[in-house]
Protein backbone atom coordinates (compact mmCIF):
# COMPACT_ATOMS: atom_id res chain seq x y z
CA MET A 1 104.76 222.49 25.79
CA ASN A 2 104.51 225.43 23.76
CA LEU A 3 103.36 228.99 24.65
CA THR A 4 100.65 229.30 22.45
CA TYR A 5 98.33 225.88 24.12
CA TYR A 6 99.00 227.42 27.52
CA PHE A 7 97.92 231.06 26.35
CA ASN A 8 95.20 229.43 24.26
CA SER A 9 93.90 227.14 27.95
CA LEU A 10 94.21 230.50 29.45
CA PHE A 11 92.21 232.56 27.36
CA PRO A 12 89.90 230.54 25.11
CA LYS A 13 87.94 231.55 22.66
CA PRO A 14 84.42 232.66 22.93
CA PRO A 15 81.45 229.95 21.68
CA THR A 16 79.60 230.76 18.37
CA GLU A 17 76.59 231.56 17.92
CA GLU A 18 74.99 227.89 16.31
CA SER A 19 76.39 226.92 19.82
CA VAL A 20 75.51 228.58 22.36
CA LYS A 21 72.01 227.80 20.58
CA ASN A 22 72.16 224.93 20.79
CA ARG A 23 73.28 225.12 24.40
CA GLN A 24 69.63 226.16 25.42
CA ASN A 25 67.54 224.40 22.99
CA LYS A 26 68.67 221.48 24.87
CA ALA A 27 68.80 222.87 28.23
CA ARG A 28 64.94 224.26 27.70
CA GLN A 29 63.99 220.52 26.43
CA LEU A 30 65.78 219.01 28.82
CA LEU A 31 63.51 221.81 31.91
CA ALA A 32 60.82 220.27 30.09
CA VAL A 33 61.56 216.96 30.16
CA LEU A 34 61.81 217.40 34.31
CA TYR A 35 58.33 219.44 34.71
CA SER A 36 56.08 217.81 32.12
CA ARG A 37 55.11 215.19 34.45
CA GLY A 38 54.16 212.36 31.89
CA ASN A 39 52.99 214.63 29.03
CA ILE A 40 54.64 213.01 25.68
CA SER A 41 54.40 215.55 23.80
CA LEU A 42 56.28 217.51 26.09
CA GLN A 43 58.84 215.22 26.85
CA ASN A 44 59.73 213.99 22.96
CA GLY A 45 60.57 218.22 22.87
CA ARG A 46 57.61 218.99 20.99
CA PHE A 47 56.80 222.40 22.60
CA ILE A 48 56.27 226.03 21.79
CA THR A 49 57.72 229.33 23.26
CA SER A 50 55.00 232.49 23.72
CA ASP A 51 57.72 234.16 21.50
CA GLU A 52 56.61 231.51 18.74
CA ILE A 53 52.42 231.73 20.33
CA ALA A 54 52.56 235.33 19.75
CA LYS A 55 54.05 234.97 15.91
CA ARG A 56 51.24 232.26 15.34
CA ARG A 57 48.78 234.61 16.27
CA ALA A 58 49.93 236.87 14.26
CA ALA A 59 50.48 235.04 10.96
CA ILE A 60 46.31 233.83 11.84
CA MET A 61 44.71 237.13 12.18
CA ARG A 62 46.43 238.43 9.61
CA TYR A 63 44.17 236.07 7.34
CA ASN A 64 41.39 237.04 5.36
CA PHE A 65 38.31 235.28 5.42
């Protein structure tokens, strides 16, 4: 075997931010599925976080009627 192969296996490159985000989204969806108990919207991944709710609330409060 090559020395670089051993070196790379001992010291792998850190994951990219995109792969970390994808992994976090999959874990978030899995948790929602596990704890949704029959709520189809949550099981299909149609849920929003509290940060997204706060952003939507702020956007609605900026409307001028």
